[in-house]
Amino acid sequence: MQVLVRDNNVEQALRVLKKKLQREGVFREMKARASYEKPSEKRAREKAEAIRRTRKLARKKALKEGVVARKH
């Protein structure tokens, strides 16, 4: 991964790097690897993530079809 520093603006480059790492899921993976996760906890987390993904997809589909009004 590479971030360019323009005009010696290191703060902006750090923000860009942090955003890229966030998008890649590096922080989430670091947190997951920091401690042991019991198999039952892993199953529960993965199930919750799957439900969240499914609901998000359904919400996007409903918005696209015009079933649900958008919030402003």
C-alpha atoms as a PDB file:
ATOM      1  CA  MET A   1       0.000   0.000   0.000  1.00  0.00           C
ATOM      2  CA  GLN A   2       1.305   3.416  -0.907  1.00  0.00           C
ATOM      3  CA  VAL A   3       0.350   6.962   0.079  1.00  0.00           C
ATOM      4  CA  LEU A   4       1.911  10.036  -1.477  1.00  0.00           C
ATOM      5  CA  VAL A   5       2.853  12.994   0.726  1.00  0.00           C
ATOM      6  CA  ARG A   6       2.149  16.258  -1.070  1.00  0.00           C
ATOM      7  CA  ASP A   7       3.625  19.607  -0.007  1.00  0.00           C
ATOM      8  CA  ASN A   8       5.065  18.033   3.183  1.00  0.00           C
ATOM      9  CA  ASN A   9       1.490  17.548   4.438  1.00  0.00           C
ATOM     10  CA  VAL A  10       2.100  14.449   6.561  1.00  0.00           C
ATOM     11  CA  GLU A  11      -1.157  14.809   8.510  1.00  0.00           C
ATOM     12  CA  GLN A  12      -3.242  14.542   5.354  1.00  0.00           C
ATOM     13  CA  ALA A  13      -1.187  11.555   4.161  1.00  0.00           C
ATOM     14  CA  LEU A  14      -1.776   9.824   7.512  1.00  0.00           C
ATOM     15  CA  ARG A  15      -5.524  10.425   7.212  1.00  0.00           C
ATOM     16  CA  VAL A  16      -5.504   8.926   3.712  1.00  0.00           C
ATOM     17  CA  LEU A  17      -3.488   5.926   4.922  1.00  0.00           C
ATOM     18  CA  LYS A  18      -5.814   5.358   7.867  1.00  0.00           C
ATOM     19  CA  LYS A  19      -8.853   5.492   5.588  1.00  0.00           C
ATOM     20  CA  LYS A  20      -7.256   2.963   3.199  1.00  0.00           C
ATOM     21  CA  LEU A  21      -6.413   0.615   6.078  1.00  0.00           C
ATOM     22  CA  GLN A  22      -9.963   0.966   7.409  1.00  0.00           C
ATOM     23  CA  ARG A  23     -11.418   0.046   4.001  1.00  0.00           C
ATOM     24  CA  GLU A  24      -9.155  -2.990   3.744  1.00  0.00           C
ATOM     25  CA  GLY A  25     -10.271  -4.211   7.176  1.00  0.00           C
ATOM     26  CA  VAL A  26      -6.786  -4.177   8.716  1.00  0.00           C
ATOM     27  CA  PHE A  27      -7.926  -2.687  12.029  1.00  0.00           C
ATOM     28  CA  ARG A  28     -10.769  -5.181  12.354  1.00  0.00           C
ATOM     29  CA  GLU A  29      -8.378  -8.073  11.681  1.00  0.00           C
ATOM     30  CA  MET A  30      -5.844  -6.753  14.208  1.00  0.00           C
ATOM     31  CA  LYS A  31      -8.553  -6.577  16.848  1.00  0.00           C
ATOM     32  CA  ALA A  32      -9.734 -10.100  16.014  1.00  0.00           C
ATOM     33  CA  ARG A  33      -6.213 -11.522  16.260  1.00  0.00           C
ATOM     34  CA  ALA A  34      -5.447  -9.733  19.521  1.00  0.00           C
ATOM     35  CA  SER A  35      -7.285 -12.291  21.631  1.00  0.00           C
ATOM     36  CA  TYR A  36      -8.704 -15.793  21.311  1.00  0.00           C
ATOM     37  CA  GLU A  37     -12.282 -16.105  20.119  1.00  0.00           C
ATOM     38  CA  LYS A  38     -14.212 -19.153  21.254  1.00  0.00           C
ATOM     39  CA  PRO A  39     -15.810 -21.187  18.444  1.00  0.00           C
ATOM     40  CA  SER A  40     -19.299 -20.436  19.802  1.00  0.00           C
ATOM     41  CA  GLU A  41     -18.530 -16.688  19.816  1.00  0.00           C
ATOM     42  CA  LYS A  42     -17.150 -16.953  16.280  1.00  0.00           C
ATOM     43  CA  ARG A  43     -20.340 -18.674  15.060  1.00  0.00           C
ATOM     44  CA  ALA A  44     -22.523 -16.055  16.732  1.00  0.00           C
ATOM     45  CA  ARG A  45     -20.468 -13.189  15.247  1.00  0.00           C
ATOM     46  CA  GLU A  46     -20.475 -14.679  11.755  1.00  0.00           C
ATOM     47  CA  LYS A  47     -24.228 -15.290  11.943  1.00  0.00           C
ATOM     48  CA  ALA A  48     -24.831 -11.691  13.055  1.00  0.00           C
ATOM     49  CA  GLU A  49     -22.622 -10.408  10.208  1.00  0.00           C
ATOM     50  CA  ALA A  50     -24.547 -12.526   7.686  1.00  0.00           C
ATOM     51  CA  ILE A  51     -27.868 -11.173   8.976  1.00  0.00           C
ATOM     52  CA  ARG A  52     -26.505  -7.619   8.770  1.00  0.00           C
ATOM     53  CA  ARG A  53     -25.321  -8.177   5.175  1.00  0.00           C
ATOM     54  CA  THR A  54     -28.674  -9.674   4.163  1.00  0.00           C
ATOM     55  CA  ARG A  55     -30.640  -6.791   5.694  1.00  0.00           C
ATOM     56  CA  LYS A  56     -28.361  -4.242   4.030  1.00  0.00           C
ATOM     57  CA  LEU A  57     -28.834  -5.920   0.648  1.00  0.00           C
ATOM     58  CA  ALA A  58     -32.617  -6.049   1.121  1.00  0.00           C
ATOM     59  CA  ARG A  59     -32.641  -2.375   2.130  1.00  0.00           C
ATOM     60  CA  LYS A  60     -30.640  -1.400  -0.982  1.00  0.00           C
ATOM     61  CA  LYS A  61     -32.939  -3.481  -3.181  1.00  0.00           C
ATOM     62  CA  ALA A  62     -36.054  -1.871  -1.645  1.00  0.00           C
ATOM     63  CA  LEU A  63     -34.601   1.605  -2.185  1.00  0.00           C
ATOM     64  CA  LYS A  64     -33.772   0.767  -5.784  1.00  0.00           C
ATOM     65  CA  GLU A  65     -37.292  -0.515  -6.451  1.00  0.00           C
ATOM     66  CA  GLY A  66     -38.835   2.483  -4.717  1.00  0.00           C
ATOM     67  CA  VAL A  67     -40.642   0.443  -2.054  1.00  0.00           C
ATOM     68  CA  VAL A  68     -39.057   2.381   0.812  1.00  0.00           C
ATOM     69  CA  ALA A  69     -38.607   6.163   0.851  1.00  0.00           C
ATOM     70  CA  ARG A  70     -35.105   7.507   1.426  1.00  0.00           C
ATOM     71  CA  LYS A  71     -34.243   9.352   4.631  1.00  0.00           C
ATOM     72  CA  HIS A  72     -32.881  12.880   4.350  1.00  0.00           C
END
